[in-house]
Amino acid sequence: MTTKQNRPPMGSRQSGTKRSNHRKHTANRSNRQPVYGSNGRVIGQICGDTFCKRADGSRHMLQKPRGWAVDACVLDDVQAHGVTTVQVTDRESQTVYTASLPDFECFGVRIDRSGYGAQICLPLDYWSIDGQPPQLGAARKPENATSGNTADFHQPLQLTLSW
């Protein structure tokens, strides 16, 4: 019989129903490095050569131009750490968007919305969505690209007009 003296304190669970408070750790989490935004908050993490970020598509995906934006200073920081790919996972739909950093450099649109600072928005046509190839971008190189070197995209072209 349970009496006031031997009953468990209020709010505690009976034995066998204890809830674990620790997170499940995987081998992949051990090599992840947090990435901080200009406000000091963790906005994503570096996983190998990929900058991974989670966002709510209904709130964070830009409407004009339609795409995902990343702080310009964050792109510079992750590139300095050897990142070559950006991955955004929509928390609501679980859709995974993936794009290369060279695509951000070549096709990204610089925006500066009040209160958010300088960002680079890469339109959706340049993102791989759930593993499907992007409609535009590095997968469809311009004719002047002679090698796999992304520096080719940045070289000025000499154009001539003939009459």
C-alpha atoms as a PDB file:
ATOM      1  CA  MET A   1       0.000   0.000   0.000  1.00  0.00           C
ATOM      2  CA  THR A   2       1.289   3.457  -0.923  1.00  0.00           C
ATOM      3  CA  THR A   3       1.391   5.943   1.883  1.00  0.00           C
ATOM      4  CA  LYS A   4       2.448   9.524   1.975  1.00  0.00           C
ATOM      5  CA  GLN A   5       5.856   8.501   3.320  1.00  0.00           C
ATOM      6  CA  ASN A   6       6.776   5.891   0.658  1.00  0.00           C
ATOM      7  CA  ARG A   7       5.147   7.234  -2.517  1.00  0.00           C
ATOM      8  CA  PRO A   8       7.394   8.792  -5.174  1.00  0.00           C
ATOM      9  CA  PRO A   9       7.575  12.595  -5.331  1.00  0.00           C
ATOM     10  CA  MET A  10       5.070  14.327  -7.603  1.00  0.00           C
ATOM     11  CA  GLY A  11       6.188  14.534 -11.200  1.00  0.00           C
ATOM     12  CA  SER A  12       8.496  11.537 -10.981  1.00  0.00           C
ATOM     13  CA  ARG A  13       7.921   8.429 -13.081  1.00  0.00           C
ATOM     14  CA  GLN A  14       7.438   4.882 -11.902  1.00  0.00           C
ATOM     15  CA  SER A  15      10.445   2.599 -12.362  1.00  0.00           C
ATOM     16  CA  GLY A  16      10.641   1.165 -15.859  1.00  0.00           C
ATOM     17  CA  THR A  17       9.112   4.263 -17.440  1.00  0.00           C
ATOM     18  CA  LYS A  18      12.106   6.516 -17.009  1.00  0.00           C
ATOM     19  CA  ARG A  19      12.655   8.783 -20.017  1.00  0.00           C
ATOM     20  CA  SER A  20      16.205   9.136 -21.280  1.00  0.00           C
ATOM     21  CA  ASN A  21      17.488  12.701 -21.429  1.00  0.00           C
ATOM     22  CA  HIS A  22      20.572  12.040 -23.524  1.00  0.00           C
ATOM     23  CA  ARG A  23      20.728  12.447 -27.275  1.00  0.00           C
ATOM     24  CA  LYS A  24      21.551   9.590 -29.544  1.00  0.00           C
ATOM     25  CA  HIS A  25      25.068  10.124 -30.853  1.00  0.00           C
ATOM     26  CA  THR A  26      26.190   8.805 -34.192  1.00  0.00           C
ATOM     27  CA  ALA A  27      29.619   8.652 -35.729  1.00  0.00           C
ATOM     28  CA  ASN A  28      28.645  11.451 -38.121  1.00  0.00           C
ATOM     29  CA  ARG A  29      27.869  13.912 -35.327  1.00  0.00           C
ATOM     30  CA  SER A  30      31.350  13.702 -33.861  1.00  0.00           C
ATOM     31  CA  ASN A  31      32.951  15.454 -36.837  1.00  0.00           C
ATOM     32  CA  ARG A  32      30.339  18.191 -37.260  1.00  0.00           C
ATOM     33  CA  GLN A  33      31.386  21.762 -36.628  1.00  0.00           C
ATOM     34  CA  PRO A  34      28.788  24.413 -35.702  1.00  0.00           C
ATOM     35  CA  VAL A  35      28.469  27.532 -37.866  1.00  0.00           C
ATOM     36  CA  TYR A  36      27.418  30.787 -36.216  1.00  0.00           C
ATOM     37  CA  GLY A  37      25.504  33.645 -37.792  1.00  0.00           C
ATOM     38  CA  SER A  38      26.268  37.316 -37.277  1.00  0.00           C
ATOM     39  CA  ASN A  39      23.867  37.282 -34.303  1.00  0.00           C
ATOM     40  CA  GLY A  40      25.935  34.615 -32.513  1.00  0.00           C
ATOM     41  CA  ARG A  41      23.373  31.828 -32.930  1.00  0.00           C
ATOM     42  CA  VAL A  42      24.168  28.454 -34.452  1.00  0.00           C
ATOM     43  CA  ILE A  43      22.631  28.495 -37.943  1.00  0.00           C
ATOM     44  CA  GLY A  44      24.029  25.237 -39.284  1.00  0.00           C
ATOM     45  CA  GLN A  45      26.993  22.953 -39.226  1.00  0.00           C
ATOM     46  CA  ILE A  46      29.849  21.805 -41.397  1.00  0.00           C
ATOM     47  CA  CYS A  47      29.664  18.093 -42.183  1.00  0.00           C
ATOM     48  CA  GLY A  48      32.782  17.161 -44.147  1.00  0.00           C
ATOM     49  CA  ASP A  49      32.758  19.402 -47.227  1.00  0.00           C
ATOM     50  CA  THR A  50      29.079  20.387 -46.834  1.00  0.00           C
ATOM     51  CA  PHE A  51      27.448  23.262 -44.975  1.00  0.00           C
ATOM     52  CA  CYS A  52      24.168  21.812 -43.610  1.00  0.00           C
ATOM     53  CA  LYS A  53      21.304  24.029 -42.531  1.00  0.00           C
ATOM     54  CA  ARG A  54      17.689  23.357 -41.512  1.00  0.00           C
ATOM     55  CA  ALA A  55      14.927  25.892 -42.115  1.00  0.00           C
ATOM     56  CA  ASP A  56      11.148  26.211 -42.321  1.00  0.00           C
ATOM     57  CA  GLY A  57      10.334  26.631 -46.002  1.00  0.00           C
ATOM     58  CA  SER A  58       7.114  28.557 -45.402  1.00  0.00           C
ATOM     59  CA  ARG A  59       8.987  31.211 -43.406  1.00  0.00           C
ATOM     60  CA  HIS A  60      12.538  31.202 -44.732  1.00  0.00           C
ATOM     61  CA  MET A  61      12.410  30.444 -48.454  1.00  0.00           C
ATOM     62  CA  LEU A  62      12.544  33.709 -50.362  1.00  0.00           C
ATOM     63  CA  GLN A  63       9.626  34.497 -52.657  1.00  0.00           C
ATOM     64  CA  LYS A  64      11.316  37.048 -54.952  1.00  0.00           C
ATOM     65  CA  PRO A  65      13.598  35.682 -56.202  1.00  0.00           C
ATOM     66  CA  ARG A  66      12.298  32.237 -55.243  1.00  0.00           C
ATOM     67  CA  GLY A  67      15.219  30.508 -53.573  1.00  0.00           C
ATOM     68  CA  TRP A  68      17.297  30.017 -50.457  1.00  0.00           C
ATOM     69  CA  ALA A  69      19.559  32.728 -49.047  1.00  0.00           C
ATOM     70  CA  VAL A  70      22.655  32.416 -46.882  1.00  0.00           C
ATOM     71  CA  ASP A  71      24.502  35.240 -45.106  1.00  0.00           C
ATOM     72  CA  ALA A  72      27.363  36.439 -47.315  1.00  0.00           C
ATOM     73  CA  CYS A  73      29.809  36.333 -44.394  1.00  0.00           C
ATOM     74  CA  VAL A  74      28.755  32.751 -43.581  1.00  0.00           C
ATOM     75  CA  LEU A  75      29.460  31.642 -47.168  1.00  0.00           C
ATOM     76  CA  ASP A  76      32.934  33.201 -46.917  1.00  0.00           C
ATOM     77  CA  ASP A  77      33.572  31.477 -43.572  1.00  0.00           C
ATOM     78  CA  VAL A  78      32.468  28.016 -44.667  1.00  0.00           C
ATOM     79  CA  GLN A  79      34.433  28.300 -47.901  1.00  0.00           C
ATOM     80  CA  ALA A  80      37.552  29.061 -45.839  1.00  0.00           C
ATOM     81  CA  HIS A  81      36.895  25.744 -44.012  1.00  0.00           C
ATOM     82  CA  GLY A  82      36.933  23.762 -47.270  1.00  0.00           C
ATOM     83  CA  VAL A  83      33.178  23.570 -47.838  1.00  0.00           C
ATOM     84  CA  THR A  84      32.151  23.028 -51.470  1.00  0.00           C
ATOM     85  CA  THR A  85      28.432  22.302 -51.065  1.00  0.00           C
ATOM     86  CA  VAL A  86      25.459  23.928 -49.307  1.00  0.00           C
ATOM     87  CA  GLN A  87      22.556  21.761 -48.148  1.00  0.00           C
ATOM     88  CA  VAL A  88      19.270  23.161 -46.833  1.00  0.00           C
ATOM     89  CA  THR A  89      16.684  20.791 -45.365  1.00  0.00           C
ATOM     90  CA  ASP A  90      13.123  22.077 -45.163  1.00  0.00           C
ATOM     91  CA  ARG A  91      11.911  21.012 -41.703  1.00  0.00           C
ATOM     92  CA  GLU A  92       8.267  21.121 -42.767  1.00  0.00           C
ATOM     93  CA  SER A  93       8.413  19.015 -45.942  1.00  0.00           C
ATOM     94  CA  GLN A  94      11.729  17.193 -45.274  1.00  0.00           C
ATOM     95  CA  THR A  95      12.808  18.276 -48.782  1.00  0.00           C
ATOM     96  CA  VAL A  96      16.596  18.438 -49.181  1.00  0.00           C
ATOM     97  CA  TYR A  97      18.039  21.212 -51.378  1.00  0.00           C
ATOM     98  CA  THR A  98      21.696  20.958 -52.416  1.00  0.00           C
ATOM     99  CA  ALA A  99      23.847  23.446 -54.360  1.00  0.00           C
ATOM    100  CA  SER A 100      27.537  24.016 -54.966  1.00  0.00           C
ATOM    101  CA  LEU A 101      29.432  27.031 -53.655  1.00  0.00           C
ATOM    102  CA  PRO A 102      30.594  27.896 -57.191  1.00  0.00           C
ATOM    103  CA  ASP A 103      26.916  28.185 -58.160  1.00  0.00           C
ATOM    104  CA  PHE A 104      26.425  30.673 -55.307  1.00  0.00           C
ATOM    105  CA  GLU A 105      29.389  32.678 -56.601  1.00  0.00           C
ATOM    106  CA  CYS A 106      28.299  32.608 -60.255  1.00  0.00           C
ATOM    107  CA  PHE A 107      24.525  32.714 -60.115  1.00  0.00           C
ATOM    108  CA  GLY A 108      23.713  33.990 -56.623  1.00  0.00           C
ATOM    109  CA  VAL A 109      21.808  37.245 -56.228  1.00  0.00           C
ATOM    110  CA  ARG A 110      23.148  39.602 -53.563  1.00  0.00           C
ATOM    111  CA  ILE A 111      20.318  40.986 -51.432  1.00  0.00           C
ATOM    112  CA  ASP A 112      20.297  43.226 -48.381  1.00  0.00           C
ATOM    113  CA  ARG A 113      16.931  43.143 -46.667  1.00  0.00           C
ATOM    114  CA  SER A 114      16.648  45.456 -43.704  1.00  0.00           C
ATOM    115  CA  GLY A 115      17.405  43.670 -40.474  1.00  0.00           C
ATOM    116  CA  TYR A 116      18.967  40.593 -42.115  1.00  0.00           C
ATOM    117  CA  GLY A 117      22.225  41.970 -43.509  1.00  0.00           C
ATOM    118  CA  ALA A 118      23.933  41.027 -46.762  1.00  0.00           C
ATOM    119  CA  GLN A 119      22.829  37.650 -48.085  1.00  0.00           C
ATOM    120  CA  ILE A 120      23.360  35.673 -51.258  1.00  0.00           C
ATOM    121  CA  CYS A 121      20.186  34.121 -52.662  1.00  0.00           C
ATOM    122  CA  LEU A 122      20.516  31.229 -55.072  1.00  0.00           C
ATOM    123  CA  PRO A 123      17.314  30.806 -57.119  1.00  0.00           C
ATOM    124  CA  LEU A 124      15.638  27.381 -56.946  1.00  0.00           C
ATOM    125  CA  ASP A 125      16.575  26.507 -60.542  1.00  0.00           C
ATOM    126  CA  TYR A 126      20.184  26.095 -59.390  1.00  0.00           C
ATOM    127  CA  TRP A 127      19.396  23.725 -56.506  1.00  0.00           C
ATOM    128  CA  SER A 128      19.324  19.936 -56.656  1.00  0.00           C
ATOM    129  CA  ILE A 129      16.039  18.964 -54.997  1.00  0.00           C
ATOM    130  CA  ASP A 130      15.892  15.574 -53.256  1.00  0.00           C
ATOM    131  CA  GLY A 131      18.781  14.300 -55.376  1.00  0.00           C
ATOM    132  CA  GLN A 132      17.317  15.396 -58.729  1.00  0.00           C
ATOM    133  CA  PRO A 133      19.759  17.383 -60.877  1.00  0.00           C
ATOM    134  CA  PRO A 134      19.263  21.156 -60.932  1.00  0.00           C
ATOM    135  CA  GLN A 135      17.601  22.779 -63.931  1.00  0.00           C
ATOM    136  CA  LEU A 136      20.540  25.211 -64.249  1.00  0.00           C
ATOM    137  CA  GLY A 137      24.022  25.649 -62.784  1.00  0.00           C
ATOM    138  CA  ALA A 138      27.243  23.657 -62.703  1.00  0.00           C
ATOM    139  CA  ALA A 139      25.490  20.541 -64.013  1.00  0.00           C
ATOM    140  CA  ARG A 140      24.907  22.517 -67.224  1.00  0.00           C
ATOM    141  CA  LYS A 141      28.227  24.291 -67.772  1.00  0.00           C
ATOM    142  CA  PRO A 142      28.462  27.290 -70.047  1.00  0.00           C
ATOM    143  CA  GLU A 143      30.120  26.675 -73.416  1.00  0.00           C
ATOM    144  CA  ASN A 144      33.244  28.574 -72.355  1.00  0.00           C
ATOM    145  CA  ALA A 145      33.993  26.168 -69.491  1.00  0.00           C
ATOM    146  CA  THR A 146      36.944  24.107 -70.687  1.00  0.00           C
ATOM    147  CA  SER A 147      37.648  22.026 -67.604  1.00  0.00           C
ATOM    148  CA  GLY A 148      36.175  21.008 -64.272  1.00  0.00           C
ATOM    149  CA  ASN A 149      37.906  24.019 -62.695  1.00  0.00           C
ATOM    150  CA  THR A 150      35.343  26.441 -61.271  1.00  0.00           C
ATOM    151  CA  ALA A 151      37.741  29.326 -61.953  1.00  0.00           C
ATOM    152  CA  ASP A 152      36.661  29.096 -65.625  1.00  0.00           C
ATOM    153  CA  PHE A 153      33.315  30.599 -64.664  1.00  0.00           C
ATOM    154  CA  HIS A 154      34.989  33.723 -63.314  1.00  0.00           C
ATOM    155  CA  GLN A 155      37.271  34.548 -66.235  1.00  0.00           C
ATOM    156  CA  PRO A 156      36.178  37.438 -68.447  1.00  0.00           C
ATOM    157  CA  LEU A 157      35.513  36.616 -72.062  1.00  0.00           C
ATOM    158  CA  GLN A 158      36.779  38.588 -75.031  1.00  0.00           C
ATOM    159  CA  LEU A 159      33.829  39.202 -77.341  1.00  0.00           C
ATOM    160  CA  THR A 160      34.157  40.582 -80.819  1.00  0.00           C
ATOM    161  CA  LEU A 161      31.552  42.032 -83.112  1.00  0.00           C
ATOM    162  CA  SER A 162      31.741  41.363 -86.802  1.00  0.00           C
ATOM    163  CA  TRP A 163      29.800  43.317 -89.376  1.00  0.00           C
END
